[in-house]
Amino acid sequence: MRGLVHQEGKKSGGGTSVSPKDINFYDYDGTIVASWTLVELTSATELPASPTHDGLTAQGWNWTLADLKTENAPMNVGQMYITSDEKTHLTITIAEFGRMVVPLYFSQTVANGVTIDWGDGSQTQTLTGTGNRNTTHTYATPGTYDITLDVAEGCEMKLGNGSSSYCVLGATNNAGRVYCNMLQSVRIGSRAGISAYAFYNCYSLASITIPSS
């Protein structure tokens, strides 16, 4: 989120909109939490307070005050979060009359190191082997589901498999885009990372929260 482009101020939950200035502090959903001119930056003694959200633990802004003062230029600053339960959450929506068999792609460094909760009350699942893994799950009804990935201690997981042909929800070609478009939000937990093309063609993806790691 480091950059020089000013954006229009946004507000959520009926809150007060903050207009962009030179230094803009963005929450994960695009809301500007605070904004400063370069003159205000010069006199600042601390960064704005971190926002709070249920299910997320704020880890601070991705620029320090000292670095901002050293840079002394227009900048967009982002808040970093980790999930409070340290699990990774993928929220998907299956539209009415949509495809009910949903693919999932990730890599793991330990066999059975990632426990998948599909969010529909079904039995959790783990996958044998290491490296790139893929599986599918069949949902009974359309709706919104929170897929939870619990990564065991000693295991590392990456979303996507680093290929230009696949994202976390499978193929990104014409036949696969319907699955990519199911993804609505992503919250990254501990022991999880993002590989190339993890969210490629996920056009409905509205928000991602990323920890400092």
C-alpha atoms as a PDB file:
ATOM      1  CA  MET A   1       0.000   0.000   0.000  1.00  0.00           C
ATOM      2  CA  ARG A   2       2.963   2.323  -0.358  1.00  0.00           C
ATOM      3  CA  GLY A   3       2.326   4.792  -3.120  1.00  0.00           C
ATOM      4  CA  LEU A   4       1.740   8.333  -4.247  1.00  0.00           C
ATOM      5  CA  VAL A   5      -1.804   8.142  -5.614  1.00  0.00           C
ATOM      6  CA  HIS A   6      -4.520  10.042  -3.798  1.00  0.00           C
ATOM      7  CA  GLN A   7      -7.923   8.369  -3.582  1.00  0.00           C
ATOM      8  CA  GLU A   8     -11.365   9.648  -2.685  1.00  0.00           C
ATOM      9  CA  GLY A   9     -12.220   9.329   0.980  1.00  0.00           C
ATOM     10  CA  LYS A  10     -14.522   6.446   1.918  1.00  0.00           C
ATOM     11  CA  LYS A  11     -16.596   5.746   4.962  1.00  0.00           C
ATOM     12  CA  SER A  12     -18.129   2.608   6.385  1.00  0.00           C
ATOM     13  CA  GLY A  13     -20.739   1.881   9.028  1.00  0.00           C
ATOM     14  CA  GLY A  14     -22.128   5.405   8.809  1.00  0.00           C
ATOM     15  CA  GLY A  15     -18.907   6.948  10.121  1.00  0.00           C
ATOM     16  CA  THR A  16     -17.425  10.301   9.192  1.00  0.00           C
ATOM     17  CA  SER A  17     -15.609  10.442   5.877  1.00  0.00           C
ATOM     18  CA  VAL A  18     -11.991  11.633   6.006  1.00  0.00           C
ATOM     19  CA  SER A  19     -10.773  13.564   2.964  1.00  0.00           C
ATOM     20  CA  PRO A  20      -7.403  12.584   1.496  1.00  0.00           C
ATOM     21  CA  LYS A  21      -4.390  14.814   2.038  1.00  0.00           C
ATOM     22  CA  ASP A  22      -0.666  14.175   1.552  1.00  0.00           C
ATOM     23  CA  ILE A  23      -0.339  11.282   4.038  1.00  0.00           C
ATOM     24  CA  ASN A  24      -3.359   8.949   4.065  1.00  0.00           C
ATOM     25  CA  PHE A  25      -3.854   6.120   6.573  1.00  0.00           C
ATOM     26  CA  TYR A  26      -6.006   3.396   5.037  1.00  0.00           C
ATOM     27  CA  ASP A  27      -7.857   0.579   6.745  1.00  0.00           C
ATOM     28  CA  TYR A  28      -8.108  -2.798   4.963  1.00  0.00           C
ATOM     29  CA  ASP A  29     -11.486  -1.919   3.414  1.00  0.00           C
ATOM     30  CA  GLY A  30     -10.265   1.285   1.782  1.00  0.00           C
ATOM     31  CA  THR A  31     -11.534   3.610   4.506  1.00  0.00           C
ATOM     32  CA  ILE A  32      -9.221   6.553   5.223  1.00  0.00           C
ATOM     33  CA  VAL A  33      -8.798   6.522   8.997  1.00  0.00           C
ATOM     34  CA  ALA A  34      -6.726   9.715   9.157  1.00  0.00           C
ATOM     35  CA  SER A  35      -4.932  12.058   6.786  1.00  0.00           C
ATOM     36  CA  TRP A  36      -2.183  14.632   7.235  1.00  0.00           C
ATOM     37  CA  THR A  37      -0.607  17.378   5.218  1.00  0.00           C
ATOM     38  CA  LEU A  38       3.189  17.369   5.032  1.00  0.00           C
ATOM     39  CA  VAL A  39       3.171  20.272   7.494  1.00  0.00           C
ATOM     40  CA  GLU A  40       1.119  18.194   9.941  1.00  0.00           C
ATOM     41  CA  LEU A  41       3.548  15.304   9.456  1.00  0.00           C
ATOM     42  CA  THR A  42       6.423  17.523  10.564  1.00  0.00           C
ATOM     43  CA  SER A  43       4.781  18.258  13.913  1.00  0.00           C
ATOM     44  CA  ALA A  44       3.353  14.750  14.519  1.00  0.00           C
ATOM     45  CA  THR A  45       4.664  12.842  17.544  1.00  0.00           C
ATOM     46  CA  GLU A  46       2.848   9.536  16.992  1.00  0.00           C
ATOM     47  CA  LEU A  47       0.896   7.686  14.320  1.00  0.00           C
ATOM     48  CA  PRO A  48      -2.923   7.529  14.417  1.00  0.00           C
ATOM     49  CA  ALA A  49      -4.459   4.863  16.631  1.00  0.00           C
ATOM     50  CA  SER A  50      -4.995   1.506  14.925  1.00  0.00           C
ATOM     51  CA  PRO A  51      -8.613   0.644  14.011  1.00  0.00           C
ATOM     52  CA  THR A  52     -10.338  -2.233  15.783  1.00  0.00           C
ATOM     53  CA  HIS A  53     -12.375  -5.032  14.193  1.00  0.00           C
ATOM     54  CA  ASP A  54     -13.925  -8.201  15.567  1.00  0.00           C
ATOM     55  CA  GLY A  55     -11.847 -11.230  14.620  1.00  0.00           C
ATOM     56  CA  LEU A  56      -8.744  -9.202  13.736  1.00  0.00           C
ATOM     57  CA  THR A  57      -5.731  -8.084  15.757  1.00  0.00           C
ATOM     58  CA  ALA A  58      -4.086  -4.880  14.524  1.00  0.00           C
ATOM     59  CA  GLN A  59      -0.308  -5.074  14.095  1.00  0.00           C
ATOM     60  CA  GLY A  60       0.343  -1.444  13.314  1.00  0.00           C
ATOM     61  CA  TRP A  61       0.877   0.693  10.219  1.00  0.00           C
ATOM     62  CA  ASN A  62       3.215  -0.388   7.436  1.00  0.00           C
ATOM     63  CA  TRP A  63       5.249   2.822   7.753  1.00  0.00           C
ATOM     64  CA  THR A  64       6.843   4.134  10.939  1.00  0.00           C
ATOM     65  CA  LEU A  65       6.622   7.789  11.851  1.00  0.00           C
ATOM     66  CA  ALA A  66      10.396   8.121  11.520  1.00  0.00           C
ATOM     67  CA  ASP A  67      10.332   6.659   7.993  1.00  0.00           C
ATOM     68  CA  LEU A  68       7.490   8.950   6.939  1.00  0.00           C
ATOM     69  CA  LYS A  69       9.415  11.983   8.187  1.00  0.00           C
ATOM     70  CA  THR A  70      12.567  10.822   6.423  1.00  0.00           C
ATOM     71  CA  GLU A  71      10.633  10.309   3.168  1.00  0.00           C
ATOM     72  CA  ASN A  72       8.727  13.608   3.600  1.00  0.00           C
ATOM     73  CA  ALA A  73       6.570  12.958   0.521  1.00  0.00           C
ATOM     74  CA  PRO A  74       2.910  12.133  -0.219  1.00  0.00           C
ATOM     75  CA  MET A  75       2.253   8.557   0.879  1.00  0.00           C
ATOM     76  CA  ASN A  76      -0.494   5.992   1.390  1.00  0.00           C
ATOM     77  CA  VAL A  77      -0.078   4.026   4.623  1.00  0.00           C
ATOM     78  CA  GLY A  78      -1.873   0.743   5.343  1.00  0.00           C
ATOM     79  CA  GLN A  79      -2.904  -0.989   8.551  1.00  0.00           C
ATOM     80  CA  MET A  80      -1.654  -4.575   8.996  1.00  0.00           C
ATOM     81  CA  TYR A  81      -3.731  -7.254  10.738  1.00  0.00           C
ATOM     82  CA  ILE A  82      -3.554 -10.873  11.746  1.00  0.00           C
ATOM     83  CA  THR A  83      -6.654 -12.919  12.499  1.00  0.00           C
ATOM     84  CA  SER A  84      -7.424 -13.176  16.216  1.00  0.00           C
ATOM     85  CA  ASP A  85      -7.665 -16.970  15.992  1.00  0.00           C
ATOM     86  CA  GLU A  86      -4.488 -17.070  13.831  1.00  0.00           C
ATOM     87  CA  LYS A  87      -6.376 -19.035  11.163  1.00  0.00           C
ATOM     88  CA  THR A  88      -6.754 -18.023   7.521  1.00  0.00           C
ATOM     89  CA  HIS A  89     -10.313 -17.274   6.413  1.00  0.00           C
ATOM     90  CA  LEU A  90     -11.602 -17.337   2.836  1.00  0.00           C
ATOM     91  CA  THR A  91     -15.160 -16.055   2.499  1.00  0.00           C
ATOM     92  CA  ILE A  92     -16.953 -17.303  -0.606  1.00  0.00           C
ATOM     93  CA  THR A  93     -20.432 -16.809  -1.995  1.00  0.00           C
ATOM     94  CA  ILE A  94     -22.117 -19.450  -4.128  1.00  0.00           C
ATOM     95  CA  ALA A  95     -24.848 -17.802  -6.160  1.00  0.00           C
ATOM     96  CA  GLU A  96     -28.228 -19.408  -6.627  1.00  0.00           C
ATOM     97  CA  PHE A  97     -27.978 -22.058  -9.335  1.00  0.00           C
ATOM     98  CA  GLY A  98     -24.188 -21.735  -9.090  1.00  0.00           C
ATOM     99  CA  ARG A  99     -21.639 -24.521  -9.281  1.00  0.00           C
ATOM    100  CA  MET A 100     -21.679 -26.366  -5.991  1.00  0.00           C
ATOM    101  CA  VAL A 101     -18.343 -28.214  -6.216  1.00  0.00           C
ATOM    102  CA  VAL A 102     -15.727 -25.686  -5.055  1.00  0.00           C
ATOM    103  CA  PRO A 103     -11.980 -26.279  -5.647  1.00  0.00           C
ATOM    104  CA  LEU A 104      -9.227 -25.213  -3.260  1.00  0.00           C
ATOM    105  CA  TYR A 105      -5.491 -24.917  -3.995  1.00  0.00           C
ATOM    106  CA  PHE A 106      -2.636 -24.310  -1.564  1.00  0.00           C
ATOM    107  CA  SER A 107       0.802 -25.671  -0.675  1.00  0.00           C
ATOM    108  CA  GLN A 108       1.909 -27.145   2.628  1.00  0.00           C
ATOM    109  CA  THR A 109       5.342 -28.066   3.969  1.00  0.00           C
ATOM    110  CA  VAL A 110       4.041 -30.806   6.294  1.00  0.00           C
ATOM    111  CA  ALA A 111       1.663 -33.633   5.360  1.00  0.00           C
ATOM    112  CA  ASN A 112      -1.785 -33.092   6.917  1.00  0.00           C
ATOM    113  CA  GLY A 113      -0.466 -29.770   8.168  1.00  0.00           C
ATOM    114  CA  VAL A 114      -3.504 -27.702   7.117  1.00  0.00           C
ATOM    115  CA  THR A 115      -6.959 -28.466   8.516  1.00  0.00           C
ATOM    116  CA  ILE A 116      -9.784 -27.272   6.261  1.00  0.00           C
ATOM    117  CA  ASP A 117     -13.143 -26.304   7.749  1.00  0.00           C
ATOM    118  CA  TRP A 118     -15.489 -25.693   4.803  1.00  0.00           C
ATOM    119  CA  GLY A 119     -17.881 -23.608   6.880  1.00  0.00           C
ATOM    120  CA  ASP A 120     -21.014 -25.682   6.283  1.00  0.00           C
ATOM    121  CA  GLY A 121     -20.903 -27.989   9.284  1.00  0.00           C
ATOM    122  CA  SER A 122     -19.259 -30.819   7.385  1.00  0.00           C
ATOM    123  CA  GLN A 123     -16.294 -32.808   8.692  1.00  0.00           C
ATOM    124  CA  THR A 124     -12.930 -31.044   8.579  1.00  0.00           C
ATOM    125  CA  GLN A 125     -10.372 -32.243   6.063  1.00  0.00           C
ATOM    126  CA  THR A 126      -6.596 -32.568   5.794  1.00  0.00           C
ATOM    127  CA  LEU A 127      -4.496 -33.514   2.769  1.00  0.00           C
ATOM    128  CA  THR A 128      -1.614 -35.960   2.655  1.00  0.00           C
ATOM    129  CA  GLY A 129       1.722 -35.139   1.044  1.00  0.00           C
ATOM    130  CA  THR A 130       3.647 -31.903   0.808  1.00  0.00           C
ATOM    131  CA  GLY A 131       3.993 -29.218  -1.842  1.00  0.00           C
ATOM    132  CA  ASN A 132       1.093 -28.110  -4.027  1.00  0.00           C
ATOM    133  CA  ARG A 133      -2.185 -29.656  -2.855  1.00  0.00           C
ATOM    134  CA  ASN A 134      -5.670 -29.367  -4.296  1.00  0.00           C
ATOM    135  CA  THR A 135      -9.075 -30.682  -3.308  1.00  0.00           C
ATOM    136  CA  THR A 136     -12.774 -29.937  -3.815  1.00  0.00           C
ATOM    137  CA  HIS A 137     -15.836 -29.732  -1.607  1.00  0.00           C
ATOM    138  CA  THR A 138     -19.484 -30.087  -2.584  1.00  0.00           C
ATOM    139  CA  TYR A 139     -21.899 -27.663  -0.918  1.00  0.00           C
ATOM    140  CA  ALA A 140     -25.561 -28.594  -0.531  1.00  0.00           C
ATOM    141  CA  THR A 141     -27.068 -25.130  -0.962  1.00  0.00           C
ATOM    142  CA  PRO A 142     -26.072 -21.710  -2.334  1.00  0.00           C
ATOM    143  CA  GLY A 143     -24.973 -19.131   0.217  1.00  0.00           C
ATOM    144  CA  THR A 144     -21.985 -17.467   1.859  1.00  0.00           C
ATOM    145  CA  TYR A 145     -19.428 -19.682   3.587  1.00  0.00           C
ATOM    146  CA  ASP A 146     -16.300 -19.013   5.640  1.00  0.00           C
ATOM    147  CA  ILE A 147     -13.606 -21.523   4.671  1.00  0.00           C
ATOM    148  CA  THR A 148     -11.112 -21.716   7.548  1.00  0.00           C
ATOM    149  CA  LEU A 149      -7.551 -22.985   7.095  1.00  0.00           C
ATOM    150  CA  ASP A 150      -5.838 -23.896  10.368  1.00  0.00           C
ATOM    151  CA  VAL A 151      -2.087 -24.326   9.848  1.00  0.00           C
ATOM    152  CA  ALA A 152      -0.348 -26.565  12.380  1.00  0.00           C
ATOM    153  CA  GLU A 153       2.795 -25.445  14.187  1.00  0.00           C
ATOM    154  CA  GLY A 154       5.842 -26.416  12.159  1.00  0.00           C
ATOM    155  CA  CYS A 155       3.954 -26.212   8.860  1.00  0.00           C
ATOM    156  CA  GLU A 156       3.914 -23.352   6.371  1.00  0.00           C
ATOM    157  CA  MET A 157       1.066 -22.827   3.936  1.00  0.00           C
ATOM    158  CA  LYS A 158       0.897 -20.704   0.799  1.00  0.00           C
ATOM    159  CA  LEU A 159      -2.283 -19.784  -1.010  1.00  0.00           C
ATOM    160  CA  GLY A 160      -2.242 -20.504  -4.724  1.00  0.00           C
ATOM    161  CA  ASN A 161       0.426 -22.693  -6.242  1.00  0.00           C
ATOM    162  CA  GLY A 162       2.603 -20.126  -7.956  1.00  0.00           C
ATOM    163  CA  SER A 163       1.310 -20.998 -11.413  1.00  0.00           C
ATOM    164  CA  SER A 164      -0.169 -18.559 -13.907  1.00  0.00           C
ATOM    165  CA  SER A 165      -2.938 -21.104 -14.512  1.00  0.00           C
ATOM    166  CA  TYR A 166      -4.256 -21.486 -10.976  1.00  0.00           C
ATOM    167  CA  CYS A 167      -5.321 -19.364  -8.023  1.00  0.00           C
ATOM    168  CA  VAL A 168      -6.509 -20.382  -4.572  1.00  0.00           C
ATOM    169  CA  LEU A 169      -9.835 -21.424  -6.147  1.00  0.00           C
ATOM    170  CA  GLY A 170      -8.402 -23.314  -9.083  1.00  0.00           C
ATOM    171  CA  ALA A 171      -8.128 -22.650 -12.784  1.00  0.00           C
ATOM    172  CA  THR A 172      -8.294 -19.064 -13.992  1.00  0.00           C
ATOM    173  CA  ASN A 173      -9.211 -19.881 -17.592  1.00  0.00           C
ATOM    174  CA  ASN A 174     -12.717 -19.238 -18.906  1.00  0.00           C
ATOM    175  CA  ALA A 175     -14.116 -22.415 -17.349  1.00  0.00           C
ATOM    176  CA  GLY A 176     -12.566 -21.682 -13.974  1.00  0.00           C
ATOM    177  CA  ARG A 177     -13.366 -18.015 -13.514  1.00  0.00           C
ATOM    178  CA  VAL A 178     -16.753 -18.771 -12.004  1.00  0.00           C
ATOM    179  CA  TYR A 179     -14.910 -20.254  -9.016  1.00  0.00           C
ATOM    180  CA  CYS A 180     -12.417 -17.391  -8.752  1.00  0.00           C
ATOM    181  CA  ASN A 181     -15.338 -14.984  -8.718  1.00  0.00           C
ATOM    182  CA  MET A 182     -16.832 -16.683  -5.635  1.00  0.00           C
ATOM    183  CA  LEU A 183     -14.109 -15.269  -3.383  1.00  0.00           C
ATOM    184  CA  GLN A 184     -15.359 -12.229  -1.427  1.00  0.00           C
ATOM    185  CA  SER A 185     -12.765 -11.598   1.282  1.00  0.00           C
ATOM    186  CA  VAL A 186      -9.483 -13.010   2.594  1.00  0.00           C
ATOM    187  CA  ARG A 187      -8.019 -12.737   6.100  1.00  0.00           C
ATOM    188  CA  ILE A 188      -4.505 -14.137   6.401  1.00  0.00           C
ATOM    189  CA  GLY A 189      -3.516 -15.894   9.632  1.00  0.00           C
ATOM    190  CA  SER A 190      -0.232 -17.125  11.050  1.00  0.00           C
ATOM    191  CA  ARG A 191       2.082 -19.550   9.242  1.00  0.00           C
ATOM    192  CA  ALA A 192       0.418 -18.581   5.953  1.00  0.00           C
ATOM    193  CA  GLY A 193       1.767 -16.806   2.890  1.00  0.00           C
ATOM    194  CA  ILE A 194       0.727 -15.738  -0.599  1.00  0.00           C
ATOM    195  CA  SER A 195       2.304 -17.128  -3.741  1.00  0.00           C
ATOM    196  CA  ALA A 196       2.060 -15.786  -7.277  1.00  0.00           C
ATOM    197  CA  TYR A 197      -1.413 -15.532  -8.817  1.00  0.00           C
ATOM    198  CA  ALA A 198      -3.102 -16.504  -5.531  1.00  0.00           C
ATOM    199  CA  PHE A 199      -6.102 -14.267  -6.271  1.00  0.00           C
ATOM    200  CA  TYR A 200      -5.846 -13.985 -10.042  1.00  0.00           C
ATOM    201  CA  ASN A 201      -9.216 -13.232 -11.709  1.00  0.00           C
ATOM    202  CA  CYS A 202     -10.969 -13.004  -8.323  1.00  0.00           C
ATOM    203  CA  TYR A 203     -12.980  -9.992  -9.429  1.00  0.00           C
ATOM    204  CA  SER A 204     -15.424 -10.084  -6.506  1.00  0.00           C
ATOM    205  CA  LEU A 205     -12.641 -10.008  -3.912  1.00  0.00           C
ATOM    206  CA  ALA A 206     -13.447  -6.868  -1.900  1.00  0.00           C
ATOM    207  CA  SER A 207     -10.923  -6.979   0.941  1.00  0.00           C
ATOM    208  CA  ILE A 208      -7.725  -8.661   2.068  1.00  0.00           C
ATOM    209  CA  THR A 209      -6.111  -8.374   5.481  1.00  0.00           C
ATOM    210  CA  ILE A 210      -2.417  -9.182   5.535  1.00  0.00           C
ATOM    211  CA  PRO A 211      -0.194  -9.584   8.615  1.00  0.00           C
ATOM    212  CA  SER A 212       3.217  -7.986   8.995  1.00  0.00           C
ATOM    213  CA  SER A 213       4.873 -11.280   8.073  1.00  0.00           C
END
